Structure formats: structure tokens, C-alpha cells
């Protein structure tokens, strides 16, 4: 027998899984610290690639100046400046990524709790239906069957 409450519950679960659930259910398989670290690491790698590309474009843009003054440039100062800028760039990117992904994880938690509650409720209702169908003894909140 199909119960209207079970159908509504299954519909809510399916809608969540189809929309926000795709991302949030995967997120739930991580501890918060692991999730934030993983995505912060990904952000640092992408920031490094971006920095390298912007740096290469800057060199190409200033190539005529660099070639004209190749013997006059202070390479220690240039290298130190590049390292400082890179360090600040990576630190800021890492800090922003940590804040964003920690907030994302925290905002998903209430939805995951509701989803897990609905799954548990559906599982208990399905267990009751199985006991009823087999004709066995089932004691639950809303029925006693012999």
C-alpha cells in the first residue's frame, strides 16, 4: 500500500538530491577541516598557476625593456620582490578560500541534517511496511499488528 506521507517524503528527498544535494551530499563525506583543507589546496594551486601566467605576460609585455637593460638589472632585488609578491598573493588567496569553503560547509550542514532525518524516517516507515507485509509482529509508533 502506498502511503501519502511516504510519497511526500520521497519527493522531498529526490528534489533535494537533484538540486543542492549533488554537491552537499559529497561535502558531507568529509570532516569540515578536511573539506576546507582540500579546497584551500586546490585554490592555492590555481592561484600559483594564475600568478605564473600573469608573471609570464608581464615579462612578455616588458621584454623590449628587459633585453635593452639585461646587464643593468638588479636580479637579486627583482627575485626578492617577486617572491614577496607571490607570498602575499598566495596567503591572501588561501585566507579567502578558507573563509569561503568553511562558510559553504557550515551553510550546508542544516540541509544535510534535514536530509538525513528524512532518510531515517523513510527507512523506519519502510521497515514497518515490510513487517506488515510479512504478517509478522511489528510494534511501532502508530500500529500494533499481530
C-alpha atoms as a PDB file:
ATOM      1  CA  UNK A   1       0.000   0.000   0.000  1.00  0.00           C
ATOM      2  CA  UNK A   2       1.320   3.420  -0.924  1.00  0.00           C
ATOM      3  CA  UNK A   3       1.113   5.923   1.875  1.00  0.00           C
ATOM      4  CA  UNK A   4       0.797   9.589   1.025  1.00  0.00           C
ATOM      5  CA  UNK A   5       3.307  10.603   3.730  1.00  0.00           C
ATOM      6  CA  UNK A   6       5.950   8.276   2.280  1.00  0.00           C
ATOM      7  CA  UNK A   7       5.414   9.647  -1.216  1.00  0.00           C
ATOM      8  CA  UNK A   8       5.784  13.230   0.038  1.00  0.00           C
ATOM      9  CA  UNK A   9       8.916  12.284   1.952  1.00  0.00           C
ATOM     10  CA  UNK A  10      10.430  10.522  -1.058  1.00  0.00           C
ATOM     11  CA  UNK A  11       9.593  13.532  -3.232  1.00  0.00           C
ATOM     12  CA  UNK A  12      11.336  15.908  -0.816  1.00  0.00           C
ATOM     13  CA  UNK A  13      14.384  13.645  -0.729  1.00  0.00           C
ATOM     14  CA  UNK A  14      14.511  13.341  -4.526  1.00  0.00           C
ATOM     15  CA  UNK A  15      14.156  17.097  -5.071  1.00  0.00           C
ATOM     16  CA  UNK A  16      16.975  17.784  -2.623  1.00  0.00           C
ATOM     17  CA  UNK A  17      19.218  15.138  -4.213  1.00  0.00           C
ATOM     18  CA  UNK A  18      18.585  16.574  -7.657  1.00  0.00           C
ATOM     19  CA  UNK A  19      19.265  20.211  -6.717  1.00  0.00           C
ATOM     20  CA  UNK A  20      21.522  21.117  -3.794  1.00  0.00           C
ATOM     21  CA  UNK A  21      22.157  17.538  -2.782  1.00  0.00           C
ATOM     22  CA  UNK A  22      24.566  16.776  -5.624  1.00  0.00           C
ATOM     23  CA  UNK A  23      27.182  18.994  -4.038  1.00  0.00           C
ATOM     24  CA  UNK A  24      26.178  18.867  -0.378  1.00  0.00           C
ATOM     25  CA  UNK A  25      25.951  15.076  -0.046  1.00  0.00           C
ATOM     26  CA  UNK A  26      29.519  14.755  -1.340  1.00  0.00           C
ATOM     27  CA  UNK A  27      30.541  17.535   1.046  1.00  0.00           C
ATOM     28  CA  UNK A  28      29.053  15.546   3.939  1.00  0.00           C
ATOM     29  CA  UNK A  29      31.524  12.696   3.352  1.00  0.00           C
ATOM     30  CA  UNK A  30      34.342  14.954   4.646  1.00  0.00           C
ATOM     31  CA  UNK A  31      35.096  16.392   8.047  1.00  0.00           C
ATOM     32  CA  UNK A  32      34.928  20.164   7.953  1.00  0.00           C
ATOM     33  CA  UNK A  33      38.686  20.580   8.392  1.00  0.00           C
ATOM     34  CA  UNK A  34      39.451  18.079   5.618  1.00  0.00           C
ATOM     35  CA  UNK A  35      36.958  19.701   3.242  1.00  0.00           C
ATOM     36  CA  UNK A  36      38.358  23.181   3.881  1.00  0.00           C
ATOM     37  CA  UNK A  37      41.985  21.998   3.548  1.00  0.00           C
ATOM     38  CA  UNK A  38      41.331  20.151   0.299  1.00  0.00           C
ATOM     39  CA  UNK A  39      39.603  23.085  -1.355  1.00  0.00           C
ATOM     40  CA  UNK A  40      42.133  25.567   0.027  1.00  0.00           C
ATOM     41  CA  UNK A  41      44.904  23.463  -1.508  1.00  0.00           C
ATOM     42  CA  UNK A  42      43.086  23.473  -4.839  1.00  0.00           C
ATOM     43  CA  UNK A  43      42.744  27.253  -4.573  1.00  0.00           C
ATOM     44  CA  UNK A  44      46.481  27.669  -3.820  1.00  0.00           C
ATOM     45  CA  UNK A  45      47.393  25.547  -6.855  1.00  0.00           C
ATOM     46  CA  UNK A  46      45.107  27.590  -9.111  1.00  0.00           C
ATOM     47  CA  UNK A  47      46.483  30.835  -7.617  1.00  0.00           C
ATOM     48  CA  UNK A  48      50.031  29.653  -8.347  1.00  0.00           C
ATOM     49  CA  UNK A  49      49.143  28.888 -11.958  1.00  0.00           C
ATOM     50  CA  UNK A  50      47.430  32.271 -12.281  1.00  0.00           C
ATOM     51  CA  UNK A  51      50.436  34.053 -10.798  1.00  0.00           C
ATOM     52  CA  UNK A  52      52.789  32.259 -13.186  1.00  0.00           C
ATOM     53  CA  UNK A  53      50.631  33.196 -16.190  1.00  0.00           C
ATOM     54  CA  UNK A  54      50.351  36.851 -15.133  1.00  0.00           C
ATOM     55  CA  UNK A  55      54.106  36.944 -14.454  1.00  0.00           C
ATOM     56  CA  UNK A  56      54.857  35.464 -17.903  1.00  0.00           C
ATOM     57  CA  UNK A  57      52.540  38.006 -19.558  1.00  0.00           C
ATOM     58  CA  UNK A  58      54.320  40.806 -17.684  1.00  0.00           C
ATOM     59  CA  UNK A  59      57.708  39.569 -18.890  1.00  0.00           C
ATOM     60  CA  UNK A  60      56.445  39.356 -22.484  1.00  0.00           C
ATOM     61  CA  UNK A  61      54.975  42.862 -22.194  1.00  0.00           C
ATOM     62  CA  UNK A  62      58.266  44.313 -20.885  1.00  0.00           C
ATOM     63  CA  UNK A  63      60.553  42.108 -23.000  1.00  0.00           C
ATOM     64  CA  UNK A  64      61.990  45.011 -25.013  1.00  0.00           C
ATOM     65  CA  UNK A  65      62.969  46.850 -21.789  1.00  0.00           C
ATOM     66  CA  UNK A  66      64.404  43.658 -20.262  1.00  0.00           C
ATOM     67  CA  UNK A  67      66.516  42.904 -23.348  1.00  0.00           C
ATOM     68  CA  UNK A  68      67.741  46.510 -23.594  1.00  0.00           C
ATOM     69  CA  UNK A  69      68.828  46.575 -19.922  1.00  0.00           C
ATOM     70  CA  UNK A  70      69.789  42.923 -19.395  1.00  0.00           C
ATOM     71  CA  UNK A  71      73.158  43.764 -17.841  1.00  0.00           C
ATOM     72  CA  UNK A  72      71.940  46.700 -15.726  1.00  0.00           C
ATOM     73  CA  UNK A  73      69.100  44.975 -13.861  1.00  0.00           C
ATOM     74  CA  UNK A  74      69.427  44.034 -10.175  1.00  0.00           C
ATOM     75  CA  UNK A  75      68.318  40.389 -10.296  1.00  0.00           C
ATOM     76  CA  UNK A  76      68.503  39.836  -6.530  1.00  0.00           C
ATOM     77  CA  UNK A  77      66.089  42.695  -5.900  1.00  0.00           C
ATOM     78  CA  UNK A  78      63.770  41.575  -8.694  1.00  0.00           C
ATOM     79  CA  UNK A  79      63.753  37.970  -7.434  1.00  0.00           C
ATOM     80  CA  UNK A  80      63.132  39.034  -3.842  1.00  0.00           C
ATOM     81  CA  UNK A  81      60.280  41.328  -4.927  1.00  0.00           C
ATOM     82  CA  UNK A  82      58.712  38.540  -6.977  1.00  0.00           C
ATOM     83  CA  UNK A  83      58.902  36.144  -4.013  1.00  0.00           C
ATOM     84  CA  UNK A  84      57.344  38.695  -1.651  1.00  0.00           C
ATOM     85  CA  UNK A  85      54.511  39.462  -4.071  1.00  0.00           C
ATOM     86  CA  UNK A  86      53.956  35.740  -4.663  1.00  0.00           C
ATOM     87  CA  UNK A  87      53.880  35.029  -0.918  1.00  0.00           C
ATOM     88  CA  UNK A  88      51.358  37.789  -0.240  1.00  0.00           C
ATOM     89  CA  UNK A  89      49.262  36.667  -3.233  1.00  0.00           C
ATOM     90  CA  UNK A  90      49.159  33.038  -2.066  1.00  0.00           C
ATOM     91  CA  UNK A  91      48.463  33.949   1.560  1.00  0.00           C
ATOM     92  CA  UNK A  92      45.534  36.199   0.657  1.00  0.00           C
ATOM     93  CA  UNK A  93      44.124  33.656  -1.772  1.00  0.00           C
ATOM     94  CA  UNK A  94      44.464  30.883   0.829  1.00  0.00           C
ATOM     95  CA  UNK A  95      42.822  33.007   3.533  1.00  0.00           C
ATOM     96  CA  UNK A  96      39.870  33.906   1.310  1.00  0.00           C
ATOM     97  CA  UNK A  97      39.471  30.279   0.160  1.00  0.00           C
ATOM     98  CA  UNK A  98      39.429  29.031   3.777  1.00  0.00           C
ATOM     99  CA  UNK A  99      36.735  31.532   4.712  1.00  0.00           C
ATOM    100  CA  UNK A 100      34.616  30.775   1.640  1.00  0.00           C
ATOM    101  CA  UNK A 101      34.751  26.982   1.950  1.00  0.00           C
ATOM    102  CA  UNK A 102      34.243  26.993   5.721  1.00  0.00           C
ATOM    103  CA  UNK A 103      31.147  29.140   5.218  1.00  0.00           C
ATOM    104  CA  UNK A 104      29.942  26.894   2.429  1.00  0.00           C
ATOM    105  CA  UNK A 105      30.331  23.808   4.630  1.00  0.00           C
ATOM    106  CA  UNK A 106      28.522  25.445   7.548  1.00  0.00           C
ATOM    107  CA  UNK A 107      25.641  26.632   5.376  1.00  0.00           C
ATOM    108  CA  UNK A 108      25.165  23.108   4.008  1.00  0.00           C
ATOM    109  CA  UNK A 109      25.007  21.419   7.431  1.00  0.00           C
ATOM    110  CA  UNK A 110      21.342  22.216   8.220  1.00  0.00           C
ATOM    111  CA  UNK A 111      20.249  20.854   4.833  1.00  0.00           C
ATOM    112  CA  UNK A 112      22.255  17.657   5.378  1.00  0.00           C
ATOM    113  CA  UNK A 113      20.748  17.198   8.847  1.00  0.00           C
ATOM    114  CA  UNK A 114      17.227  17.514   7.432  1.00  0.00           C
ATOM    115  CA  UNK A 115      18.114  15.147   4.572  1.00  0.00           C
ATOM    116  CA  UNK A 116      19.491  12.520   6.965  1.00  0.00           C
ATOM    117  CA  UNK A 117      16.439  12.894   9.210  1.00  0.00           C
ATOM    118  CA  UNK A 118      14.127  12.359   6.239  1.00  0.00           C
ATOM    119  CA  UNK A 119      16.097   9.286   5.135  1.00  0.00           C
ATOM    120  CA  UNK A 120      15.909   7.812   8.624  1.00  0.00           C
ATOM    121  CA  UNK A 121      12.191   8.481   8.809  1.00  0.00           C
ATOM    122  CA  UNK A 122      11.646   6.861   5.421  1.00  0.00           C
ATOM    123  CA  UNK A 123      13.752   3.864   6.422  1.00  0.00           C
ATOM    124  CA  UNK A 124      11.708   3.288   9.594  1.00  0.00           C
ATOM    125  CA  UNK A 125       8.451   3.622   7.652  1.00  0.00           C
ATOM    126  CA  UNK A 126       9.697   1.125   5.076  1.00  0.00           C
ATOM    127  CA  UNK A 127      10.642  -1.286   7.867  1.00  0.00           C
ATOM    128  CA  UNK A 128       7.143  -1.039   9.275  1.00  0.00           C
ATOM    129  CA  UNK A 129       5.667  -1.775   5.864  1.00  0.00           C
ATOM    130  CA  UNK A 130       7.873  -4.851   5.447  1.00  0.00           C
ATOM    131  CA  UNK A 131       6.796  -6.217   8.825  1.00  0.00           C
ATOM    132  CA  UNK A 132       3.149  -5.635   7.931  1.00  0.00           C
ATOM    133  CA  UNK A 133       3.552  -7.288   4.527  1.00  0.00           C
ATOM    134  CA  UNK A 134       5.163 -10.392   6.006  1.00  0.00           C
ATOM    135  CA  UNK A 135       2.371 -10.732   8.546  1.00  0.00           C
ATOM    136  CA  UNK A 136       4.786 -10.716  11.436  1.00  0.00           C
ATOM    137  CA  UNK A 137       4.678  -8.881  14.680  1.00  0.00           C
ATOM    138  CA  UNK A 138       5.526  -5.244  14.401  1.00  0.00           C
ATOM    139  CA  UNK A 139       5.360  -2.673  17.130  1.00  0.00           C
ATOM    140  CA  UNK A 140       5.764   0.875  16.099  1.00  0.00           C
ATOM    141  CA  UNK A 141       4.590   4.346  16.932  1.00  0.00           C
ATOM    142  CA  UNK A 142       1.324   4.197  15.054  1.00  0.00           C
ATOM    143  CA  UNK A 143       0.365   0.497  14.909  1.00  0.00           C
ATOM    144  CA  UNK A 144       0.476  -2.813  16.718  1.00  0.00           C
ATOM    145  CA  UNK A 145      -0.042  -5.755  14.398  1.00  0.00           C
ATOM    146  CA  UNK A 146      -0.447  -9.439  15.266  1.00  0.00           C
END
